[in-house]
Amino acid sequence: MMSFKKAEIDDYDRIQEYFSLYGENSCQHSFVNMYALYEKYGSQYCELNGFLYILRSRMCGNGKRTYLFPMGAGDRKKAVENIIGDAHGNGSKVRFDTITEDNYSWLMQEFPGVFQAREVRNYAEYLHRSENLANLPGSKFAKKRYDVNLLRRVYEGRMEESILTKEKTGEVLAFEEKWLADSLEMHDTAALNLEYREIEKQLACFDELKISGIIVRIDGIVQGFVYGAPISRNCYDVLIEKGNRRIDDIYRVLNQDVVKMCAMGYAYINREEDLGVPGLRKAKLSYKPDIILKKYIAEEI
């Protein structure tokens, strides 16, 4: 059996290198999310013979032991066999969570009759070319350009955007607390409180996790923020985006300007999943993603 352990902040460089090289720009393959979402997934890692293995300890049960697909250079078949051995040694069968289409296809070919798999649309991720989000070019983005420019005209001289720094994270948390209080009646309370603790954990290690972002103020008062972090050398993950819902189109400003101010050095922007929320899916599709990264779950038969 393999030995898994919880990732600590000092593990960032070694773990993130695997994600960057082999994670296919998925937001599930990110040290920031692995570290900050431990309460949700219980992700633990094992590094063995050039491969990174991730066990989602809090998603195990019902005779299944849940892993991400192994990442590394070398014998992928042996890596999967290692996971099968670890699961069987723990009295369980394997469940691979959110695997990419390439890994799904390979797994079905190399392990025929061993796994059954299904695509999970709610887990698909939305990737955009950074220049498209930054510039909103062409007729397909005309309405969004109009809305962003209208907001800037309405608040001309009153709206200020600034780079988020470690010293400003207290302002972000204060806004998030207010946003949370205003949202509890409309949304899943447990999920929102979990997200708040995730934000706290991310911002507490702002520099170590290589987070960057922006704050939007109107009349000197914070009305929105957004931040993200690199997934790989060519992809930036937008982690959290919050705005005052009473201000029309503030989310469109946040969406555009975090790319312009923080992420133009990356070819792609990952805006993560919609989790099956109809309004969120409609909003994400409205930005015409360049790639919808399909995700699958595979379970040992």
C-alpha atoms as a PDB file:
ATOM      1  CA  MET A   1       0.000   0.000   0.000  1.00  0.00           C
ATOM      2  CA  MET A   2       1.103   3.550  -0.664  1.00  0.00           C
ATOM      3  CA  SER A   3       1.611   6.068   2.117  1.00  0.00           C
ATOM      4  CA  PHE A   4      -0.443   9.262   1.705  1.00  0.00           C
ATOM      5  CA  LYS A   5      -0.088  12.469   3.687  1.00  0.00           C
ATOM      6  CA  LYS A   6      -1.714  15.873   3.889  1.00  0.00           C
ATOM      7  CA  ALA A   7      -0.052  18.606   1.808  1.00  0.00           C
ATOM      8  CA  GLU A   8       1.465  21.519   3.710  1.00  0.00           C
ATOM      9  CA  ILE A   9       2.227  24.938   2.322  1.00  0.00           C
ATOM     10  CA  ASP A  10       5.936  24.083   2.007  1.00  0.00           C
ATOM     11  CA  ASP A  11       5.012  21.324  -0.476  1.00  0.00           C
ATOM     12  CA  TYR A  12       3.808  23.869  -3.052  1.00  0.00           C
ATOM     13  CA  ASP A  13       6.761  23.751  -5.460  1.00  0.00           C
ATOM     14  CA  ARG A  14       7.146  19.987  -5.729  1.00  0.00           C
ATOM     15  CA  ILE A  15       3.417  19.208  -6.021  1.00  0.00           C
ATOM     16  CA  GLN A  16       2.547  22.124  -8.297  1.00  0.00           C
ATOM     17  CA  GLU A  17       5.289  21.057 -10.717  1.00  0.00           C
ATOM     18  CA  TYR A  18       3.437  17.780 -11.369  1.00  0.00           C
ATOM     19  CA  PHE A  19       0.158  19.628 -11.829  1.00  0.00           C
ATOM     20  CA  SER A  20       1.748  22.126 -14.167  1.00  0.00           C
ATOM     21  CA  LEU A  21       3.343  19.465 -16.368  1.00  0.00           C
ATOM     22  CA  TYR A  22       0.651  16.786 -16.371  1.00  0.00           C
ATOM     23  CA  GLY A  23      -2.582  18.375 -15.137  1.00  0.00           C
ATOM     24  CA  GLU A  24      -3.944  19.422 -18.581  1.00  0.00           C
ATOM     25  CA  ASN A  25      -4.876  22.873 -17.208  1.00  0.00           C
ATOM     26  CA  SER A  26      -7.681  21.478 -15.044  1.00  0.00           C
ATOM     27  CA  CYS A  27      -8.564  23.460 -11.933  1.00  0.00           C
ATOM     28  CA  GLN A  28      -8.775  20.123 -10.105  1.00  0.00           C
ATOM     29  CA  HIS A  29      -5.031  19.808 -10.685  1.00  0.00           C
ATOM     30  CA  SER A  30      -3.961  22.810  -8.668  1.00  0.00           C
ATOM     31  CA  PHE A  31      -2.065  23.014  -5.386  1.00  0.00           C
ATOM     32  CA  VAL A  32      -4.140  26.043  -4.369  1.00  0.00           C
ATOM     33  CA  ASN A  33      -7.378  24.075  -4.603  1.00  0.00           C
ATOM     34  CA  MET A  34      -5.860  20.936  -3.130  1.00  0.00           C
ATOM     35  CA  TYR A  35      -4.610  22.879  -0.115  1.00  0.00           C
ATOM     36  CA  ALA A  36      -7.568  25.209   0.438  1.00  0.00           C
ATOM     37  CA  LEU A  37     -10.275  22.579  -0.128  1.00  0.00           C
ATOM     38  CA  TYR A  38      -8.881  19.981   2.247  1.00  0.00           C
ATOM     39  CA  GLU A  39     -11.984  20.278   4.420  1.00  0.00           C
ATOM     40  CA  LYS A  40     -14.133  19.258   1.435  1.00  0.00           C
ATOM     41  CA  TYR A  41     -12.017  16.618  -0.296  1.00  0.00           C
ATOM     42  CA  GLY A  42      -9.386  15.568   2.238  1.00  0.00           C
ATOM     43  CA  SER A  43      -6.808  15.420  -0.557  1.00  0.00           C
ATOM     44  CA  GLN A  44      -3.569  13.685   0.423  1.00  0.00           C
ATOM     45  CA  TYR A  45      -0.570  12.924  -1.746  1.00  0.00           C
ATOM     46  CA  CYS A  46       2.022  10.278  -2.344  1.00  0.00           C
ATOM     47  CA  GLU A  47       5.076  10.810  -4.534  1.00  0.00           C
ATOM     48  CA  LEU A  48       6.461   7.537  -5.862  1.00  0.00           C
ATOM     49  CA  ASN A  49       8.810   6.692  -8.732  1.00  0.00           C
ATOM     50  CA  GLY A  50       8.212   9.895 -10.681  1.00  0.00           C
ATOM     51  CA  PHE A  51       4.425   9.969 -10.211  1.00  0.00           C
ATOM     52  CA  LEU A  52       2.159  12.055  -8.029  1.00  0.00           C
ATOM     53  CA  TYR A  53      -0.821  10.242  -6.560  1.00  0.00           C
ATOM     54  CA  ILE A  54      -3.735  12.103  -4.953  1.00  0.00           C
ATOM     55  CA  LEU A  55      -6.167  10.363  -2.605  1.00  0.00           C
ATOM     56  CA  ARG A  56      -9.428  12.186  -1.846  1.00  0.00           C
ATOM     57  CA  SER A  57      -9.853  10.703   1.596  1.00  0.00           C
ATOM     58  CA  ARG A  58     -13.150  12.412   2.388  1.00  0.00           C
ATOM     59  CA  MET A  59     -14.773  11.083  -0.774  1.00  0.00           C
ATOM     60  CA  CYS A  60     -14.059   7.444  -0.006  1.00  0.00           C
ATOM     61  CA  GLY A  61     -16.852   5.095   1.016  1.00  0.00           C
ATOM     62  CA  ASN A  62     -19.357   2.525  -0.155  1.00  0.00           C
ATOM     63  CA  GLY A  63     -16.539   0.207  -1.046  1.00  0.00           C
ATOM     64  CA  LYS A  64     -14.761   2.791  -3.226  1.00  0.00           C
ATOM     65  CA  ARG A  65     -11.450   4.556  -2.625  1.00  0.00           C
ATOM     66  CA  THR A  66     -11.307   7.839  -4.554  1.00  0.00           C
ATOM     67  CA  TYR A  67      -8.229   9.147  -6.394  1.00  0.00           C
ATOM     68  CA  LEU A  68      -7.296  11.660  -9.039  1.00  0.00           C
ATOM     69  CA  PHE A  69      -5.642  10.134 -12.090  1.00  0.00           C
ATOM     70  CA  PRO A  70      -1.891   9.678 -11.454  1.00  0.00           C
ATOM     71  CA  MET A  71       0.392  12.352 -12.892  1.00  0.00           C
ATOM     72  CA  GLY A  72       3.980  11.864 -13.946  1.00  0.00           C
ATOM     73  CA  ALA A  73       6.450  10.655 -16.540  1.00  0.00           C
ATOM     74  CA  GLY A  74       7.028   6.992 -17.167  1.00  0.00           C
ATOM     75  CA  ASP A  75       4.881   3.883 -16.997  1.00  0.00           C
ATOM     76  CA  ARG A  76       1.268   5.080 -16.601  1.00  0.00           C
ATOM     77  CA  LYS A  77      -0.021   1.515 -16.599  1.00  0.00           C
ATOM     78  CA  LYS A  78       2.155   0.659 -13.633  1.00  0.00           C
ATOM     79  CA  ALA A  79       0.955   3.844 -11.889  1.00  0.00           C
ATOM     80  CA  VAL A  80      -2.690   2.798 -12.287  1.00  0.00           C
ATOM     81  CA  GLU A  81      -1.805  -0.708 -11.091  1.00  0.00           C
ATOM     82  CA  ASN A  82      -0.254   0.885  -7.994  1.00  0.00           C
ATOM     83  CA  ILE A  83      -3.553   2.627  -7.278  1.00  0.00           C
ATOM     84  CA  ILE A  84      -5.510  -0.592  -7.804  1.00  0.00           C
ATOM     85  CA  GLY A  85      -3.178  -2.326  -5.362  1.00  0.00           C
ATOM     86  CA  ASP A  86      -3.557   0.450  -2.806  1.00  0.00           C
ATOM     87  CA  ALA A  87      -7.357   0.359  -3.040  1.00  0.00           C
ATOM     88  CA  HIS A  88      -7.536  -3.420  -2.791  1.00  0.00           C
ATOM     89  CA  GLY A  89      -5.157  -3.342   0.158  1.00  0.00           C
ATOM     90  CA  ASN A  90      -7.656  -1.075   1.872  1.00  0.00           C
ATOM     91  CA  GLY A  91     -10.562  -3.388   1.099  1.00  0.00           C
ATOM     92  CA  SER A  92     -11.973  -1.148  -1.640  1.00  0.00           C
ATOM     93  CA  LYS A  93     -12.248  -0.731  -5.384  1.00  0.00           C
ATOM     94  CA  VAL A  94     -10.891   2.265  -7.317  1.00  0.00           C
ATOM     95  CA  ARG A  95     -12.871   5.362  -8.147  1.00  0.00           C
ATOM     96  CA  PHE A  96     -11.121   7.958 -10.330  1.00  0.00           C
ATOM     97  CA  ASP A  97     -12.614  11.405  -9.854  1.00  0.00           C
ATOM     98  CA  THR A  98     -12.779  14.123 -12.545  1.00  0.00           C
ATOM     99  CA  ILE A  99     -10.384  12.559 -15.046  1.00  0.00           C
ATOM    100  CA  THR A 100      -9.794  14.289 -18.366  1.00  0.00           C
ATOM    101  CA  GLU A 101     -10.902  12.973 -21.734  1.00  0.00           C
ATOM    102  CA  ASP A 102      -7.386  11.935 -22.765  1.00  0.00           C
ATOM    103  CA  ASN A 103      -6.883   9.927 -19.580  1.00  0.00           C
ATOM    104  CA  TYR A 104     -10.382   8.457 -19.842  1.00  0.00           C
ATOM    105  CA  SER A 105      -9.688   7.231 -23.392  1.00  0.00           C
ATOM    106  CA  TRP A 106      -6.326   5.774 -22.386  1.00  0.00           C
ATOM    107  CA  LEU A 107      -7.788   4.034 -19.336  1.00  0.00           C
ATOM    108  CA  MET A 108     -10.579   2.388 -21.321  1.00  0.00           C
ATOM    109  CA  GLN A 109      -8.064   1.129 -23.871  1.00  0.00           C
ATOM    110  CA  GLU A 110      -5.394  -0.099 -21.455  1.00  0.00           C
ATOM    111  CA  PHE A 111      -7.744  -1.617 -18.850  1.00  0.00           C
ATOM    112  CA  PRO A 112     -10.626  -3.106 -20.887  1.00  0.00           C
ATOM    113  CA  GLY A 113     -13.390  -4.525 -18.743  1.00  0.00           C
ATOM    114  CA  VAL A 114     -11.834  -3.222 -15.526  1.00  0.00           C
ATOM    115  CA  PHE A 115     -13.496   0.177 -15.279  1.00  0.00           C
ATOM    116  CA  GLN A 116     -16.816   1.695 -16.217  1.00  0.00           C
ATOM    117  CA  ALA A 117     -16.835   5.428 -16.849  1.00  0.00           C
ATOM    118  CA  ARG A 118     -19.235   8.245 -17.506  1.00  0.00           C
ATOM    119  CA  GLU A 119     -18.917  11.855 -18.500  1.00  0.00           C
ATOM    120  CA  VAL A 120     -20.100  14.325 -15.846  1.00  0.00           C
ATOM    121  CA  ARG A 121     -21.182  17.547 -17.575  1.00  0.00           C
ATOM    122  CA  ASN A 122     -21.415  19.430 -14.276  1.00  0.00           C
ATOM    123  CA  TYR A 123     -17.651  18.970 -13.817  1.00  0.00           C
ATOM    124  CA  ALA A 124     -16.667  20.319 -17.255  1.00  0.00           C
ATOM    125  CA  GLU A 125     -14.367  23.338 -17.071  1.00  0.00           C
ATOM    126  CA  TYR A 126     -14.455  26.510 -19.170  1.00  0.00           C
ATOM    127  CA  LEU A 127     -11.176  27.653 -20.721  1.00  0.00           C
ATOM    128  CA  HIS A 128     -10.767  30.908 -22.642  1.00  0.00           C
ATOM    129  CA  ARG A 129      -7.947  32.514 -24.547  1.00  0.00           C
ATOM    130  CA  SER A 130      -6.768  35.353 -22.374  1.00  0.00           C
ATOM    131  CA  GLU A 131      -6.974  37.932 -25.183  1.00  0.00           C
ATOM    132  CA  ASN A 132     -10.659  37.113 -25.693  1.00  0.00           C
ATOM    133  CA  LEU A 133     -11.598  37.814 -22.089  1.00  0.00           C
ATOM    134  CA  ALA A 134      -9.348  40.876 -21.903  1.00  0.00           C
ATOM    135  CA  ASN A 135     -10.469  42.514 -25.145  1.00  0.00           C
ATOM    136  CA  LEU A 136     -13.966  41.077 -25.785  1.00  0.00           C
ATOM    137  CA  PRO A 137     -13.351  41.260 -29.544  1.00  0.00           C
ATOM    138  CA  GLY A 138     -15.777  40.974 -32.423  1.00  0.00           C
ATOM    139  CA  SER A 139     -19.518  40.828 -32.767  1.00  0.00           C
ATOM    140  CA  LYS A 140     -19.989  37.856 -30.440  1.00  0.00           C
ATOM    141  CA  PHE A 141     -18.843  39.985 -27.498  1.00  0.00           C
ATOM    142  CA  ALA A 142     -20.512  43.243 -28.586  1.00  0.00           C
ATOM    143  CA  LYS A 143     -23.178  43.172 -25.872  1.00  0.00           C
ATOM    144  CA  LYS A 144     -20.609  42.509 -23.150  1.00  0.00           C
ATOM    145  CA  ARG A 145     -18.396  45.361 -24.379  1.00  0.00           C
ATOM    146  CA  TYR A 146     -21.420  47.660 -24.296  1.00  0.00           C
ATOM    147  CA  ASP A 147     -22.359  46.617 -20.759  1.00  0.00           C
ATOM    148  CA  VAL A 148     -18.816  47.052 -19.428  1.00  0.00           C
ATOM    149  CA  ASN A 149     -18.447  50.462 -21.049  1.00  0.00           C
ATOM    150  CA  LEU A 150     -21.837  51.547 -19.739  1.00  0.00           C
ATOM    151  CA  LEU A 151     -20.835  50.691 -16.173  1.00  0.00           C
ATOM    152  CA  ARG A 152     -17.613  52.658 -16.578  1.00  0.00           C
ATOM    153  CA  ARG A 153     -19.544  55.681 -17.865  1.00  0.00           C
ATOM    154  CA  VAL A 154     -22.125  55.521 -15.064  1.00  0.00           C
ATOM    155  CA  TYR A 155     -19.401  55.478 -12.410  1.00  0.00           C
ATOM    156  CA  GLU A 156     -16.839  57.592 -14.235  1.00  0.00           C
ATOM    157  CA  GLY A 157     -14.565  59.280 -11.713  1.00  0.00           C
ATOM    158  CA  ARG A 158     -16.063  57.220  -8.905  1.00  0.00           C
ATOM    159  CA  MET A 159     -14.840  53.695  -9.734  1.00  0.00           C
ATOM    160  CA  GLU A 160     -11.297  52.654  -8.883  1.00  0.00           C
ATOM    161  CA  GLU A 161      -9.617  49.320  -9.597  1.00  0.00           C
ATOM    162  CA  SER A 162      -6.472  48.311  -7.753  1.00  0.00           C
ATOM    163  CA  ILE A 163      -4.238  45.267  -7.528  1.00  0.00           C
ATOM    164  CA  LEU A 164      -5.020  43.001  -4.597  1.00  0.00           C
ATOM    165  CA  THR A 165      -2.070  42.606  -2.234  1.00  0.00           C
ATOM    166  CA  LYS A 166      -1.529  40.723   1.006  1.00  0.00           C
ATOM    167  CA  GLU A 167      -2.095  43.972   2.914  1.00  0.00           C
ATOM    168  CA  LYS A 168      -5.561  44.393   1.347  1.00  0.00           C
ATOM    169  CA  THR A 169      -6.852  40.900   2.078  1.00  0.00           C
ATOM    170  CA  GLY A 170      -8.602  42.145   5.219  1.00  0.00           C
ATOM    171  CA  GLU A 171     -10.801  44.365   3.040  1.00  0.00           C
ATOM    172  CA  VAL A 172     -11.641  41.393   0.848  1.00  0.00           C
ATOM    173  CA  LEU A 173     -12.659  39.273   3.827  1.00  0.00           C
ATOM    174  CA  ALA A 174     -14.794  42.102   5.199  1.00  0.00           C
ATOM    175  CA  PHE A 175     -16.606  42.377   1.857  1.00  0.00           C
ATOM    176  CA  GLU A 176     -16.964  38.586   1.688  1.00  0.00           C
ATOM    177  CA  GLU A 177     -18.545  38.534   5.155  1.00  0.00           C
ATOM    178  CA  LYS A 178     -21.122  41.092   4.041  1.00  0.00           C
ATOM    179  CA  TRP A 179     -21.711  39.250   0.764  1.00  0.00           C
ATOM    180  CA  LEU A 180     -22.187  36.031   2.719  1.00  0.00           C
ATOM    181  CA  ALA A 181     -24.676  37.598   5.129  1.00  0.00           C
ATOM    182  CA  ASP A 182     -26.693  38.930   2.180  1.00  0.00           C
ATOM    183  CA  SER A 183     -26.676  35.543   0.424  1.00  0.00           C
ATOM    184  CA  LEU A 184     -27.505  32.997   3.105  1.00  0.00           C
ATOM    185  CA  GLU A 185     -31.260  33.081   2.541  1.00  0.00           C
ATOM    186  CA  MET A 186     -30.888  32.458  -1.209  1.00  0.00           C
ATOM    187  CA  HIS A 187     -28.236  29.740  -1.253  1.00  0.00           C
ATOM    188  CA  ASP A 188     -26.954  26.615   0.477  1.00  0.00           C
ATOM    189  CA  THR A 189     -25.737  27.871   3.858  1.00  0.00           C
ATOM    190  CA  ALA A 190     -23.286  25.015   4.423  1.00  0.00           C
ATOM    191  CA  ALA A 191     -21.717  25.452   0.971  1.00  0.00           C
ATOM    192  CA  LEU A 192     -21.330  29.215   1.405  1.00  0.00           C
ATOM    193  CA  ASN A 193     -19.745  28.833   4.829  1.00  0.00           C
ATOM    194  CA  LEU A 194     -17.372  26.222   3.433  1.00  0.00           C
ATOM    195  CA  GLU A 195     -16.440  28.629   0.637  1.00  0.00           C
ATOM    196  CA  TYR A 196     -15.780  31.370   3.191  1.00  0.00           C
ATOM    197  CA  ARG A 197     -13.347  29.113   5.054  1.00  0.00           C
ATOM    198  CA  GLU A 198     -11.721  28.265   1.705  1.00  0.00           C
ATOM    199  CA  ILE A 199     -11.220  31.981   0.996  1.00  0.00           C
ATOM    200  CA  GLU A 200      -9.776  32.537   4.463  1.00  0.00           C
ATOM    201  CA  LYS A 201      -7.285  29.720   3.935  1.00  0.00           C
ATOM    202  CA  GLN A 202      -6.247  30.934   0.492  1.00  0.00           C
ATOM    203  CA  LEU A 203      -5.774  34.550   1.558  1.00  0.00           C
ATOM    204  CA  ALA A 204      -3.844  33.554   4.685  1.00  0.00           C
ATOM    205  CA  CYS A 205      -1.186  32.163   2.313  1.00  0.00           C
ATOM    206  CA  PHE A 206      -1.605  34.822  -0.361  1.00  0.00           C
ATOM    207  CA  ASP A 207       2.062  35.061  -1.362  1.00  0.00           C
ATOM    208  CA  GLU A 208       2.950  31.412  -0.843  1.00  0.00           C
ATOM    209  CA  LEU A 209       0.115  30.318  -3.161  1.00  0.00           C
ATOM    210  CA  LYS A 210       1.087  32.905  -5.789  1.00  0.00           C
ATOM    211  CA  ILE A 211      -2.370  34.490  -5.708  1.00  0.00           C
ATOM    212  CA  SER A 212      -3.097  37.702  -7.608  1.00  0.00           C
ATOM    213  CA  GLY A 213      -6.258  39.688  -8.144  1.00  0.00           C
ATOM    214  CA  ILE A 214      -8.038  43.029  -8.122  1.00  0.00           C
ATOM    215  CA  ILE A 215     -10.382  45.038  -5.922  1.00  0.00           C
ATOM    216  CA  VAL A 216     -13.086  47.346  -7.321  1.00  0.00           C
ATOM    217  CA  ARG A 217     -14.134  50.342  -5.235  1.00  0.00           C
ATOM    218  CA  ILE A 218     -16.900  52.824  -5.931  1.00  0.00           C
ATOM    219  CA  ASP A 219     -16.820  56.057  -3.940  1.00  0.00           C
ATOM    220  CA  GLY A 220     -13.995  54.487  -1.948  1.00  0.00           C
ATOM    221  CA  ILE A 221     -16.073  51.492  -0.823  1.00  0.00           C
ATOM    222  CA  VAL A 222     -15.204  47.932  -1.890  1.00  0.00           C
ATOM    223  CA  GLN A 223     -17.913  46.651  -4.225  1.00  0.00           C
ATOM    224  CA  GLY A 224     -16.197  43.589  -5.648  1.00  0.00           C
ATOM    225  CA  PHE A 225     -13.053  41.511  -5.853  1.00  0.00           C
ATOM    226  CA  VAL A 226     -11.639  38.655  -7.881  1.00  0.00           C
ATOM    227  CA  TYR A 227      -8.465  36.632  -7.570  1.00  0.00           C
ATOM    228  CA  GLY A 228      -6.776  33.608  -9.066  1.00  0.00           C
ATOM    229  CA  ALA A 229      -3.493  31.738  -9.365  1.00  0.00           C
ATOM    230  CA  PRO A 230      -1.494  29.841 -11.983  1.00  0.00           C
ATOM    231  CA  ILE A 231      -2.536  26.283 -12.822  1.00  0.00           C
ATOM    232  CA  SER A 232       0.378  25.816 -15.197  1.00  0.00           C
ATOM    233  CA  ARG A 233       2.883  27.884 -17.109  1.00  0.00           C
ATOM    234  CA  ASN A 234       0.249  28.762 -19.714  1.00  0.00           C
ATOM    235  CA  CYS A 235      -3.028  28.767 -17.742  1.00  0.00           C
ATOM    236  CA  TYR A 236      -4.421  30.978 -14.970  1.00  0.00           C
ATOM    237  CA  ASP A 237      -7.267  29.816 -12.733  1.00  0.00           C
ATOM    238  CA  VAL A 238      -9.905  32.328 -11.603  1.00  0.00           C
ATOM    239  CA  LEU A 239     -10.559  31.056  -8.086  1.00  0.00           C
ATOM    240  CA  ILE A 240     -13.018  33.469  -6.477  1.00  0.00           C
ATOM    241  CA  GLU A 241     -15.107  36.325  -7.920  1.00  0.00           C
ATOM    242  CA  LYS A 242     -17.584  38.323  -5.819  1.00  0.00           C
ATOM    243  CA  GLY A 243     -19.450  41.564  -6.524  1.00  0.00           C
ATOM    244  CA  ASN A 244     -22.293  43.647  -5.200  1.00  0.00           C
ATOM    245  CA  ARG A 245     -25.341  42.233  -6.979  1.00  0.00           C
ATOM    246  CA  ARG A 246     -27.053  45.615  -6.841  1.00  0.00           C
ATOM    247  CA  ILE A 247     -24.484  47.018  -9.261  1.00  0.00           C
ATOM    248  CA  ASP A 248     -25.338  45.913 -12.767  1.00  0.00           C
ATOM    249  CA  ASP A 249     -22.498  44.326 -14.732  1.00  0.00           C
ATOM    250  CA  ILE A 250     -19.855  44.564 -12.003  1.00  0.00           C
ATOM    251  CA  TYR A 251     -19.106  40.888 -12.585  1.00  0.00           C
ATOM    252  CA  ARG A 252     -18.331  41.648 -16.222  1.00  0.00           C
ATOM    253  CA  VAL A 253     -15.800  44.254 -15.162  1.00  0.00           C
ATOM    254  CA  LEU A 254     -14.232  41.827 -12.693  1.00  0.00           C
ATOM    255  CA  ASN A 255     -14.143  39.109 -15.341  1.00  0.00           C
ATOM    256  CA  GLN A 256     -12.391  41.300 -17.894  1.00  0.00           C
ATOM    257  CA  ASP A 257     -10.014  43.259 -15.731  1.00  0.00           C
ATOM    258  CA  VAL A 258      -8.532  40.446 -13.656  1.00  0.00           C
ATOM    259  CA  VAL A 259      -7.228  39.113 -16.958  1.00  0.00           C
ATOM    260  CA  LYS A 260      -5.999  42.498 -18.163  1.00  0.00           C
ATOM    261  CA  MET A 261      -4.321  43.360 -14.864  1.00  0.00           C
ATOM    262  CA  CYS A 262      -3.085  39.954 -13.648  1.00  0.00           C
ATOM    263  CA  ALA A 263      -3.095  37.229 -16.286  1.00  0.00           C
ATOM    264  CA  MET A 264      -2.047  38.459 -19.723  1.00  0.00           C
ATOM    265  CA  GLY A 265       1.119  36.372 -19.421  1.00  0.00           C
ATOM    266  CA  TYR A 266      -0.960  33.201 -19.682  1.00  0.00           C
ATOM    267  CA  ALA A 267      -2.416  31.828 -22.922  1.00  0.00           C
ATOM    268  CA  TYR A 268      -5.553  30.496 -21.228  1.00  0.00           C
ATOM    269  CA  ILE A 269      -7.869  31.417 -18.402  1.00  0.00           C
ATOM    270  CA  ASN A 270      -9.731  28.631 -16.596  1.00  0.00           C
ATOM    271  CA  ARG A 271     -13.072  29.816 -15.203  1.00  0.00           C
ATOM    272  CA  GLU A 272     -13.778  26.460 -13.580  1.00  0.00           C
ATOM    273  CA  GLU A 273     -17.009  24.413 -13.513  1.00  0.00           C
ATOM    274  CA  ASP A 274     -20.648  25.420 -13.340  1.00  0.00           C
ATOM    275  CA  LEU A 275     -21.576  22.449 -11.072  1.00  0.00           C
ATOM    276  CA  GLY A 276     -24.886  22.158 -12.870  1.00  0.00           C
ATOM    277  CA  VAL A 277     -26.261  25.501 -11.672  1.00  0.00           C
ATOM    278  CA  PRO A 278     -28.436  26.665 -14.615  1.00  0.00           C
ATOM    279  CA  GLY A 279     -27.792  30.397 -14.277  1.00  0.00           C
ATOM    280  CA  LEU A 280     -24.074  29.876 -13.818  1.00  0.00           C
ATOM    281  CA  ARG A 281     -23.900  27.594 -16.841  1.00  0.00           C
ATOM    282  CA  LYS A 282     -25.712  30.161 -18.975  1.00  0.00           C
ATOM    283  CA  ALA A 283     -23.340  32.911 -17.802  1.00  0.00           C
ATOM    284  CA  LYS A 284     -20.233  30.836 -18.474  1.00  0.00           C
ATOM    285  CA  LEU A 285     -21.384  29.770 -21.929  1.00  0.00           C
ATOM    286  CA  SER A 286     -22.204  33.377 -22.790  1.00  0.00           C
ATOM    287  CA  TYR A 287     -18.465  34.109 -22.775  1.00  0.00           C
ATOM    288  CA  LYS A 288     -17.976  31.636 -25.659  1.00  0.00           C
ATOM    289  CA  PRO A 289     -15.304  29.365 -24.149  1.00  0.00           C
ATOM    290  CA  ASP A 290     -12.535  28.294 -26.470  1.00  0.00           C
ATOM    291  CA  ILE A 291     -12.341  24.910 -24.751  1.00  0.00           C
ATOM    292  CA  ILE A 292     -14.845  23.019 -22.651  1.00  0.00           C
ATOM    293  CA  LEU A 293     -12.632  20.570 -20.784  1.00  0.00           C
ATOM    294  CA  LYS A 294     -14.674  17.382 -20.440  1.00  0.00           C
ATOM    295  CA  LYS A 295     -14.417  15.429 -17.190  1.00  0.00           C
ATOM    296  CA  TYR A 296     -15.215  11.814 -16.366  1.00  0.00           C
ATOM    297  CA  ILE A 297     -15.615   9.550 -13.380  1.00  0.00           C
ATOM    298  CA  ALA A 298     -14.297   5.999 -13.726  1.00  0.00           C
ATOM    299  CA  GLU A 299     -15.074   3.223 -11.271  1.00  0.00           C
ATOM    300  CA  GLU A 300     -13.603  -0.237 -11.001  1.00  0.00           C
ATOM    301  CA  ILE A 301     -16.205  -2.865 -11.862  1.00  0.00           C
END
